[in-house]
Amino acid sequence: MQLGRVGWLAKGVVYLLAGGLALLVVVRSFGWSNVTAGAKEASPTGAIKEVAQSTGGPLLLIALAVGMFLYAAWRLATAVLPGSTDAEGWATRVGYGVSAIIYTTFGVTAISLARTRAAKANGNKTVSDMTSRVMHHTSGRWLIGIAGAVVIGAGLYRIVKGLNADVTDDIDMSGMSPARRRWTRRLGAIGEVGRGIAMGLIGFFLVRAAVTFKAAEATGLDGALRRLTLESWGVFVVAGVGLGLMAYGLHCVGTFTRRRLQAP
């Protein structure tokens, strides 16, 4: 249990960095940043790259990878706990399983960067390449479209959770001051909305790739945010996502010692 909580801390660090990088995309869109800063990838993968380039990068990456693996193990353990077996319960379990796979991938990326110090991983290219491979197969276009719709649905679910402030199920709130309880809910709610919008954007571009039959339309979070900044209103959405991701990071960092296994 104690080791598993370290995973929440690592997750929080990644989201804090990813949110900061998203805000940097906004700054870059106004021409207030240099080319090097503008090239940074605003995503969890980009956050891991930032750790790789910092002082003591390899050691920090290994620590981050361990945290990601522990978080993945936490999610798997949560998924198999006895609990609800209705449709919602099974959907939650599947979501935990997918989350475990995603964070295991982040951990593997961190280990790879710790060994090479070369930032070869690129979330945008990974999504585009995967989409291209799938769409070359029979019914691949439909699969990408369905995947995009599922991601959009997951994003909407996150947004609804945030709007309802349904963010403390697996947090032990006992002994917290009223102010801390209030800010825990606020940060969690803002974070869920920000994450939901980010997921919805990725899903939208997957669906667009399927509709136009152009794999290049599919992109990761970084690519989605950069495309939005080309629109006059898009920078506000990107700024909202950045603030949301940072809020979620603070939420995870501020509550990791109080996390508990909660059955679906």
C-alpha atoms as a PDB file:
ATOM      1  CA  MET A   1       0.000   0.000   0.000  1.00  0.00           C
ATOM      2  CA  GLN A   2       2.732   2.485   1.011  1.00  0.00           C
ATOM      3  CA  LEU A   3       4.822   1.735  -2.079  1.00  0.00           C
ATOM      4  CA  GLY A   4       1.757   2.030  -4.279  1.00  0.00           C
ATOM      5  CA  ARG A   5       1.181   5.556  -3.031  1.00  0.00           C
ATOM      6  CA  VAL A   6       4.570   6.555  -4.432  1.00  0.00           C
ATOM      7  CA  GLY A   7       3.031   5.891  -7.834  1.00  0.00           C
ATOM      8  CA  TRP A   8       0.506   8.658  -7.248  1.00  0.00           C
ATOM      9  CA  LEU A   9       3.355  11.045  -6.430  1.00  0.00           C
ATOM     10  CA  ALA A  10       5.150  10.135  -9.668  1.00  0.00           C
ATOM     11  CA  LYS A  11       1.914  10.565 -11.610  1.00  0.00           C
ATOM     12  CA  GLY A  12       1.439  14.001 -10.067  1.00  0.00           C
ATOM     13  CA  VAL A  13       4.937  15.087 -11.082  1.00  0.00           C
ATOM     14  CA  VAL A  14       4.313  13.999 -14.677  1.00  0.00           C
ATOM     15  CA  TYR A  15       1.033  15.917 -14.866  1.00  0.00           C
ATOM     16  CA  LEU A  16       2.545  19.036 -13.312  1.00  0.00           C
ATOM     17  CA  LEU A  17       5.270  19.047 -15.960  1.00  0.00           C
ATOM     18  CA  ALA A  18       2.841  18.224 -18.780  1.00  0.00           C
ATOM     19  CA  GLY A  19       0.582  21.091 -17.716  1.00  0.00           C
ATOM     20  CA  GLY A  20       3.508  23.494 -17.639  1.00  0.00           C
ATOM     21  CA  LEU A  21       4.532  22.405 -21.138  1.00  0.00           C
ATOM     22  CA  ALA A  22       0.962  22.939 -22.374  1.00  0.00           C
ATOM     23  CA  LEU A  23       1.065  26.506 -21.035  1.00  0.00           C
ATOM     24  CA  LEU A  24       4.388  26.936 -22.820  1.00  0.00           C
ATOM     25  CA  VAL A  25       2.590  26.116 -26.084  1.00  0.00           C
ATOM     26  CA  VAL A  26       0.290  29.075 -25.388  1.00  0.00           C
ATOM     27  CA  VAL A  27       3.255  31.330 -24.646  1.00  0.00           C
ATOM     28  CA  ARG A  28       4.942  30.174 -27.847  1.00  0.00           C
ATOM     29  CA  SER A  29       1.787  30.909 -29.894  1.00  0.00           C
ATOM     30  CA  PHE A  30       2.114  34.591 -28.940  1.00  0.00           C
ATOM     31  CA  GLY A  31       5.793  34.628 -29.900  1.00  0.00           C
ATOM     32  CA  TRP A  32       6.920  35.096 -26.307  1.00  0.00           C
ATOM     33  CA  SER A  33       9.266  32.111 -26.245  1.00  0.00           C
ATOM     34  CA  ASN A  34      12.325  30.967 -28.163  1.00  0.00           C
ATOM     35  CA  VAL A  35      12.379  28.152 -30.734  1.00  0.00           C
ATOM     36  CA  THR A  36      13.909  25.607 -28.379  1.00  0.00           C
ATOM     37  CA  ALA A  37      11.230  26.126 -25.767  1.00  0.00           C
ATOM     38  CA  GLY A  38       8.528  26.044 -28.417  1.00  0.00           C
ATOM     39  CA  ALA A  39       9.718  22.641 -29.619  1.00  0.00           C
ATOM     40  CA  LYS A  40       9.080  20.962 -26.265  1.00  0.00           C
ATOM     41  CA  GLU A  41       6.368  18.299 -26.409  1.00  0.00           C
ATOM     42  CA  ALA A  42       3.350  19.189 -24.269  1.00  0.00           C
ATOM     43  CA  SER A  43       2.309  15.737 -23.073  1.00  0.00           C
ATOM     44  CA  PRO A  44       3.184  13.152 -20.425  1.00  0.00           C
ATOM     45  CA  THR A  45       5.854  11.855 -22.828  1.00  0.00           C
ATOM     46  CA  GLY A  46       7.183  15.393 -23.131  1.00  0.00           C
ATOM     47  CA  ALA A  47       7.243  15.677 -19.351  1.00  0.00           C
ATOM     48  CA  ILE A  48       9.386  12.542 -19.151  1.00  0.00           C
ATOM     49  CA  LYS A  49      11.724  14.040 -21.760  1.00  0.00           C
ATOM     50  CA  GLU A  50      12.089  17.138 -19.600  1.00  0.00           C
ATOM     51  CA  VAL A  51      13.186  14.993 -16.679  1.00  0.00           C
ATOM     52  CA  ALA A  52      15.726  13.312 -18.997  1.00  0.00           C
ATOM     53  CA  GLN A  53      17.305  16.677 -19.820  1.00  0.00           C
ATOM     54  CA  SER A  54      17.555  17.834 -16.208  1.00  0.00           C
ATOM     55  CA  THR A  55      20.529  17.540 -13.874  1.00  0.00           C
ATOM     56  CA  GLY A  56      20.705  13.971 -12.597  1.00  0.00           C
ATOM     57  CA  GLY A  57      18.323  12.960 -15.375  1.00  0.00           C
ATOM     58  CA  PRO A  58      19.030   9.198 -15.474  1.00  0.00           C
ATOM     59  CA  LEU A  59      18.525   8.748 -11.724  1.00  0.00           C
ATOM     60  CA  LEU A  60      15.381  10.867 -11.768  1.00  0.00           C
ATOM     61  CA  LEU A  61      14.059   8.906 -14.743  1.00  0.00           C
ATOM     62  CA  ILE A  62      14.617   5.605 -12.959  1.00  0.00           C
ATOM     63  CA  ALA A  63      12.782   6.952  -9.905  1.00  0.00           C
ATOM     64  CA  LEU A  64       9.976   8.172 -12.154  1.00  0.00           C
ATOM     65  CA  ALA A  65       9.810   4.818 -13.946  1.00  0.00           C
ATOM     66  CA  VAL A  66       9.542   2.976 -10.633  1.00  0.00           C
ATOM     67  CA  GLY A  67       6.721   5.314  -9.657  1.00  0.00           C
ATOM     68  CA  MET A  68       4.909   4.697 -12.959  1.00  0.00           C
ATOM     69  CA  PHE A  69       5.232   0.924 -12.529  1.00  0.00           C
ATOM     70  CA  LEU A  70       3.949   1.153  -8.966  1.00  0.00           C
ATOM     71  CA  TYR A  71       0.989   3.218 -10.118  1.00  0.00           C
ATOM     72  CA  ALA A  72       0.239   0.665 -12.853  1.00  0.00           C
ATOM     73  CA  ALA A  73       0.361  -2.106 -10.239  1.00  0.00           C
ATOM     74  CA  TRP A  74      -2.004  -0.057  -8.036  1.00  0.00           C
ATOM     75  CA  ARG A  75      -4.494   0.212 -10.883  1.00  0.00           C
ATOM     76  CA  LEU A  76      -4.306  -3.502 -11.636  1.00  0.00           C
ATOM     77  CA  ALA A  77      -4.819  -4.332  -7.964  1.00  0.00           C
ATOM     78  CA  THR A  78      -7.822  -1.998  -7.862  1.00  0.00           C
ATOM     79  CA  ALA A  79      -9.294  -3.594 -10.988  1.00  0.00           C
ATOM     80  CA  VAL A  80      -9.363  -7.081  -9.434  1.00  0.00           C
ATOM     81  CA  LEU A  81     -10.762  -6.100  -6.035  1.00  0.00           C
ATOM     82  CA  PRO A  82     -14.193  -7.584  -5.228  1.00  0.00           C
ATOM     83  CA  GLY A  83     -16.860  -5.035  -6.001  1.00  0.00           C
ATOM     84  CA  SER A  84     -19.614  -4.054  -8.389  1.00  0.00           C
ATOM     85  CA  THR A  85     -20.197  -6.430 -11.294  1.00  0.00           C
ATOM     86  CA  ASP A  86     -22.726  -4.343 -13.194  1.00  0.00           C
ATOM     87  CA  ALA A  87     -21.945  -2.614 -16.511  1.00  0.00           C
ATOM     88  CA  GLU A  88     -20.547   0.480 -14.829  1.00  0.00           C
ATOM     89  CA  GLY A  89     -18.349  -1.624 -12.551  1.00  0.00           C
ATOM     90  CA  TRP A  90     -16.911  -3.595 -15.467  1.00  0.00           C
ATOM     91  CA  ALA A  91     -16.340  -0.405 -17.457  1.00  0.00           C
ATOM     92  CA  THR A  92     -14.419   1.001 -14.497  1.00  0.00           C
ATOM     93  CA  ARG A  93     -12.317  -2.163 -14.250  1.00  0.00           C
ATOM     94  CA  VAL A  94     -11.495  -2.013 -17.951  1.00  0.00           C
ATOM     95  CA  GLY A  95     -10.567   1.648 -17.532  1.00  0.00           C
ATOM     96  CA  TYR A  96      -8.189   0.749 -14.706  1.00  0.00           C
ATOM     97  CA  GLY A  97      -6.625  -1.933 -16.899  1.00  0.00           C
ATOM     98  CA  VAL A  98      -6.104   0.527 -19.747  1.00  0.00           C
ATOM     99  CA  SER A  99      -4.636   3.013 -17.280  1.00  0.00           C
ATOM    100  CA  ALA A 100      -2.193   0.352 -16.075  1.00  0.00           C
ATOM    101  CA  ILE A 101      -1.054  -0.278 -19.658  1.00  0.00           C
ATOM    102  CA  ILE A 102      -0.606   3.434 -20.373  1.00  0.00           C
ATOM    103  CA  TYR A 103       1.472   4.098 -17.258  1.00  0.00           C
ATOM    104  CA  THR A 104       3.539   0.982 -17.821  1.00  0.00           C
ATOM    105  CA  THR A 105       4.330   2.438 -21.246  1.00  0.00           C
ATOM    106  CA  PHE A 106       5.374   5.711 -19.610  1.00  0.00           C
ATOM    107  CA  GLY A 107       7.620   3.749 -17.272  1.00  0.00           C
ATOM    108  CA  VAL A 108       9.232   1.904 -20.174  1.00  0.00           C
ATOM    109  CA  THR A 109       9.781   5.231 -21.962  1.00  0.00           C
ATOM    110  CA  ALA A 110      11.481   6.639 -18.870  1.00  0.00           C
ATOM    111  CA  ILE A 111      13.784   3.609 -18.623  1.00  0.00           C
ATOM    112  CA  SER A 112      14.640   3.886 -22.324  1.00  0.00           C
ATOM    113  CA  LEU A 113      15.527   7.563 -21.967  1.00  0.00           C
ATOM    114  CA  ALA A 114      17.573   6.845 -18.832  1.00  0.00           C
ATOM    115  CA  ARG A 115      19.700   4.441 -20.873  1.00  0.00           C
ATOM    116  CA  THR A 116      20.183   6.602 -23.976  1.00  0.00           C
ATOM    117  CA  ARG A 117      19.502  10.222 -22.861  1.00  0.00           C
ATOM    118  CA  ALA A 118      18.204  10.632 -26.438  1.00  0.00           C
ATOM    119  CA  ALA A 119      14.653  11.979 -26.604  1.00  0.00           C
ATOM    120  CA  LYS A 120      13.475   9.754 -29.446  1.00  0.00           C
ATOM    121  CA  ALA A 121      10.001   9.135 -28.079  1.00  0.00           C
ATOM    122  CA  ASN A 122       7.365  11.318 -29.687  1.00  0.00           C
ATOM    123  CA  GLY A 123       3.731  11.004 -28.702  1.00  0.00           C
ATOM    124  CA  ASN A 124       2.423  12.661 -31.869  1.00  0.00           C
ATOM    125  CA  LYS A 125       4.377  10.392 -34.226  1.00  0.00           C
ATOM    126  CA  THR A 126       3.485   7.312 -32.202  1.00  0.00           C
ATOM    127  CA  VAL A 127      -0.253   8.007 -32.598  1.00  0.00           C
ATOM    128  CA  SER A 128       0.068   8.853 -36.306  1.00  0.00           C
ATOM    129  CA  ASP A 129       2.171   5.765 -37.058  1.00  0.00           C
ATOM    130  CA  MET A 130      -0.177   3.470 -35.149  1.00  0.00           C
ATOM    131  CA  THR A 131      -3.170   4.959 -36.961  1.00  0.00           C
ATOM    132  CA  SER A 132      -1.464   4.482 -40.319  1.00  0.00           C
ATOM    133  CA  ARG A 133      -0.710   0.819 -39.609  1.00  0.00           C
ATOM    134  CA  VAL A 134      -4.249   0.090 -38.435  1.00  0.00           C
ATOM    135  CA  MET A 135      -5.922   1.885 -41.352  1.00  0.00           C
ATOM    136  CA  HIS A 136      -3.982  -0.218 -43.865  1.00  0.00           C
ATOM    137  CA  HIS A 137      -5.926  -3.270 -42.688  1.00  0.00           C
ATOM    138  CA  THR A 138      -9.478  -4.203 -43.576  1.00  0.00           C
ATOM    139  CA  SER A 139     -11.928  -2.299 -41.376  1.00  0.00           C
ATOM    140  CA  GLY A 140      -8.976  -0.387 -39.930  1.00  0.00           C
ATOM    141  CA  ARG A 141     -10.702   2.881 -40.625  1.00  0.00           C
ATOM    142  CA  TRP A 142     -13.691   1.778 -38.570  1.00  0.00           C
ATOM    143  CA  LEU A 143     -11.449   0.643 -35.725  1.00  0.00           C
ATOM    144  CA  ILE A 144      -9.728   4.026 -35.564  1.00  0.00           C
ATOM    145  CA  GLY A 145     -13.084   5.796 -35.661  1.00  0.00           C
ATOM    146  CA  ILE A 146     -14.449   3.617 -32.865  1.00  0.00           C
ATOM    147  CA  ALA A 147     -11.263   4.116 -30.828  1.00  0.00           C
ATOM    148  CA  GLY A 148     -11.626   7.870 -31.251  1.00  0.00           C
ATOM    149  CA  ALA A 149     -15.260   7.746 -30.155  1.00  0.00           C
ATOM    150  CA  VAL A 150     -14.315   5.692 -27.085  1.00  0.00           C
ATOM    151  CA  VAL A 151     -11.595   8.205 -26.161  1.00  0.00           C
ATOM    152  CA  ILE A 152     -14.079  11.060 -26.569  1.00  0.00           C
ATOM    153  CA  GLY A 153     -16.529   9.172 -24.347  1.00  0.00           C
ATOM    154  CA  ALA A 154     -13.831   8.678 -21.717  1.00  0.00           C
ATOM    155  CA  GLY A 155     -13.051  12.380 -21.898  1.00  0.00           C
ATOM    156  CA  LEU A 156     -16.705  13.302 -21.402  1.00  0.00           C
ATOM    157  CA  TYR A 157     -16.815  10.946 -18.418  1.00  0.00           C
ATOM    158  CA  ARG A 158     -13.841  12.779 -16.890  1.00  0.00           C
ATOM    159  CA  ILE A 159     -15.464  16.148 -17.495  1.00  0.00           C
ATOM    160  CA  VAL A 160     -18.697  15.033 -15.823  1.00  0.00           C
ATOM    161  CA  LYS A 161     -16.721  13.693 -12.843  1.00  0.00           C
ATOM    162  CA  GLY A 162     -14.995  17.039 -12.568  1.00  0.00           C
ATOM    163  CA  LEU A 163     -18.189  19.072 -12.823  1.00  0.00           C
ATOM    164  CA  ASN A 164     -19.745  16.885 -10.116  1.00  0.00           C
ATOM    165  CA  ALA A 165     -16.573  17.130  -7.993  1.00  0.00           C
ATOM    166  CA  ASP A 166     -16.578  13.317  -7.842  1.00  0.00           C
ATOM    167  CA  VAL A 167     -12.852  13.115  -7.140  1.00  0.00           C
ATOM    168  CA  THR A 168     -12.350  11.800  -3.611  1.00  0.00           C
ATOM    169  CA  ASP A 169     -13.582   8.183  -3.747  1.00  0.00           C
ATOM    170  CA  ASP A 170     -10.114   6.719  -3.170  1.00  0.00           C
ATOM    171  CA  ILE A 171      -8.844   9.429  -0.811  1.00  0.00           C
ATOM    172  CA  ASP A 172      -8.976   9.212   2.981  1.00  0.00           C
ATOM    173  CA  MET A 173     -10.353  12.644   3.870  1.00  0.00           C
ATOM    174  CA  SER A 174     -10.522  12.010   7.618  1.00  0.00           C
ATOM    175  CA  GLY A 175      -8.558  14.463   9.713  1.00  0.00           C
ATOM    176  CA  MET A 176      -8.284  17.028   6.909  1.00  0.00           C
ATOM    177  CA  SER A 177      -9.075  20.631   7.725  1.00  0.00           C
ATOM    178  CA  PRO A 178     -12.145  22.112   5.987  1.00  0.00           C
ATOM    179  CA  ALA A 179      -9.868  24.280   3.837  1.00  0.00           C
ATOM    180  CA  ARG A 180      -7.779  21.323   2.723  1.00  0.00           C
ATOM    181  CA  ARG A 181     -10.893  19.287   1.925  1.00  0.00           C
ATOM    182  CA  ARG A 182     -12.216  22.171  -0.138  1.00  0.00           C
ATOM    183  CA  TRP A 183      -8.990  22.613  -2.117  1.00  0.00           C
ATOM    184  CA  THR A 184      -8.580  18.878  -2.594  1.00  0.00           C
ATOM    185  CA  ARG A 185     -11.967  18.755  -4.274  1.00  0.00           C
ATOM    186  CA  ARG A 186     -11.374  21.926  -6.271  1.00  0.00           C
ATOM    187  CA  LEU A 187      -8.016  20.840  -7.637  1.00  0.00           C
ATOM    188  CA  GLY A 188      -9.337  17.379  -8.397  1.00  0.00           C
ATOM    189  CA  ALA A 189     -12.404  18.777 -10.165  1.00  0.00           C
ATOM    190  CA  ILE A 190     -10.406  21.238 -12.275  1.00  0.00           C
ATOM    191  CA  GLY A 191      -7.925  18.482 -13.051  1.00  0.00           C
ATOM    192  CA  GLU A 192     -10.576  16.043 -14.215  1.00  0.00           C
ATOM    193  CA  VAL A 193     -12.123  18.644 -16.519  1.00  0.00           C
ATOM    194  CA  GLY A 194      -8.695  19.467 -17.954  1.00  0.00           C
ATOM    195  CA  ARG A 195      -7.873  15.795 -18.491  1.00  0.00           C
ATOM    196  CA  GLY A 196     -11.283  15.217 -20.031  1.00  0.00           C
ATOM    197  CA  ILE A 197     -10.821  18.011 -22.558  1.00  0.00           C
ATOM    198  CA  ALA A 198      -7.339  16.696 -23.412  1.00  0.00           C
ATOM    199  CA  MET A 199      -8.700  13.197 -24.017  1.00  0.00           C
ATOM    200  CA  GLY A 200     -11.579  14.588 -26.057  1.00  0.00           C
ATOM    201  CA  LEU A 201      -9.143  16.445 -28.321  1.00  0.00           C
ATOM    202  CA  ILE A 202      -7.109  13.301 -28.989  1.00  0.00           C
ATOM    203  CA  GLY A 203     -10.303  11.377 -29.708  1.00  0.00           C
ATOM    204  CA  PHE A 204     -11.546  14.097 -32.065  1.00  0.00           C
ATOM    205  CA  PHE A 205      -8.416  13.920 -34.202  1.00  0.00           C
ATOM    206  CA  LEU A 206      -8.603  10.119 -34.292  1.00  0.00           C
ATOM    207  CA  VAL A 207     -12.172  10.333 -35.565  1.00  0.00           C
ATOM    208  CA  ARG A 208     -11.140  12.967 -38.114  1.00  0.00           C
ATOM    209  CA  ALA A 209      -8.334  10.715 -39.318  1.00  0.00           C
ATOM    210  CA  ALA A 210     -10.862   7.922 -39.861  1.00  0.00           C
ATOM    211  CA  VAL A 211     -13.370  10.167 -41.639  1.00  0.00           C
ATOM    212  CA  THR A 212     -10.782  11.760 -43.963  1.00  0.00           C
ATOM    213  CA  PHE A 213      -8.770   8.527 -44.281  1.00  0.00           C
ATOM    214  CA  LYS A 214      -5.620  10.502 -43.462  1.00  0.00           C
ATOM    215  CA  ALA A 215      -3.485   8.985 -40.717  1.00  0.00           C
ATOM    216  CA  ALA A 216      -1.589  12.272 -40.342  1.00  0.00           C
ATOM    217  CA  GLU A 217      -4.756  13.827 -38.898  1.00  0.00           C
ATOM    218  CA  ALA A 218      -4.335  11.618 -35.819  1.00  0.00           C
ATOM    219  CA  THR A 219      -2.009  13.068 -33.229  1.00  0.00           C
ATOM    220  CA  GLY A 220      -1.063  12.992 -29.586  1.00  0.00           C
ATOM    221  CA  LEU A 221      -1.921  15.624 -26.999  1.00  0.00           C
ATOM    222  CA  ASP A 222       0.946  17.896 -28.024  1.00  0.00           C
ATOM    223  CA  GLY A 223      -0.118  17.959 -31.675  1.00  0.00           C
ATOM    224  CA  ALA A 224      -3.757  18.553 -30.735  1.00  0.00           C
ATOM    225  CA  LEU A 225      -2.846  21.530 -28.553  1.00  0.00           C
ATOM    226  CA  ARG A 226      -0.569  23.065 -31.180  1.00  0.00           C
ATOM    227  CA  ARG A 227      -3.287  22.791 -33.824  1.00  0.00           C
ATOM    228  CA  LEU A 228      -5.753  24.517 -31.521  1.00  0.00           C
ATOM    229  CA  THR A 229      -3.443  27.513 -31.039  1.00  0.00           C
ATOM    230  CA  LEU A 230      -3.850  28.243 -34.751  1.00  0.00           C
ATOM    231  CA  GLU A 231      -7.403  29.342 -33.937  1.00  0.00           C
ATOM    232  CA  SER A 232      -8.028  32.637 -32.147  1.00  0.00           C
ATOM    233  CA  TRP A 233     -10.195  30.905 -29.540  1.00  0.00           C
ATOM    234  CA  GLY A 234      -7.985  27.820 -29.330  1.00  0.00           C
ATOM    235  CA  VAL A 235      -5.364  29.370 -27.066  1.00  0.00           C
ATOM    236  CA  PHE A 236      -7.955  29.682 -24.308  1.00  0.00           C
ATOM    237  CA  VAL A 237      -8.763  25.973 -24.574  1.00  0.00           C
ATOM    238  CA  VAL A 238      -5.052  25.087 -24.523  1.00  0.00           C
ATOM    239  CA  ALA A 239      -4.497  27.337 -21.505  1.00  0.00           C
ATOM    240  CA  GLY A 240      -7.436  25.656 -19.779  1.00  0.00           C
ATOM    241  CA  VAL A 241      -5.990  22.213 -20.485  1.00  0.00           C
ATOM    242  CA  GLY A 242      -2.587  23.294 -19.180  1.00  0.00           C
ATOM    243  CA  LEU A 243      -4.045  24.684 -15.965  1.00  0.00           C
ATOM    244  CA  GLY A 244      -6.227  21.597 -15.608  1.00  0.00           C
ATOM    245  CA  LEU A 245      -3.283  19.220 -15.953  1.00  0.00           C
ATOM    246  CA  MET A 246      -1.285  21.219 -13.419  1.00  0.00           C
ATOM    247  CA  ALA A 247      -4.236  21.217 -11.026  1.00  0.00           C
ATOM    248  CA  TYR A 248      -4.508  17.448 -11.376  1.00  0.00           C
ATOM    249  CA  GLY A 249      -0.792  17.121 -10.732  1.00  0.00           C
ATOM    250  CA  LEU A 250      -1.117  19.177  -7.546  1.00  0.00           C
ATOM    251  CA  HIS A 251      -4.139  17.073  -6.572  1.00  0.00           C
ATOM    252  CA  CYS A 252      -2.109  13.848  -6.903  1.00  0.00           C
ATOM    253  CA  VAL A 253       0.968  15.246  -5.132  1.00  0.00           C
ATOM    254  CA  GLY A 254      -1.109  16.694  -2.314  1.00  0.00           C
ATOM    255  CA  THR A 255      -3.058  13.490  -1.638  1.00  0.00           C
ATOM    256  CA  PHE A 256      -0.671  10.631  -2.436  1.00  0.00           C
ATOM    257  CA  THR A 257      -0.160   9.785   1.251  1.00  0.00           C
ATOM    258  CA  ARG A 258      -3.932   9.429   1.701  1.00  0.00           C
ATOM    259  CA  ARG A 259      -4.695   7.192  -1.276  1.00  0.00           C
ATOM    260  CA  ARG A 260      -6.467   3.914  -0.583  1.00  0.00           C
ATOM    261  CA  LEU A 261      -7.522   0.952  -2.701  1.00  0.00           C
ATOM    262  CA  GLN A 262     -11.142   1.481  -3.682  1.00  0.00           C
ATOM    263  CA  ALA A 263     -13.112  -1.297  -5.351  1.00  0.00           C
ATOM    264  CA  PRO A 264     -14.960  -0.336  -8.592  1.00  0.00           C
END
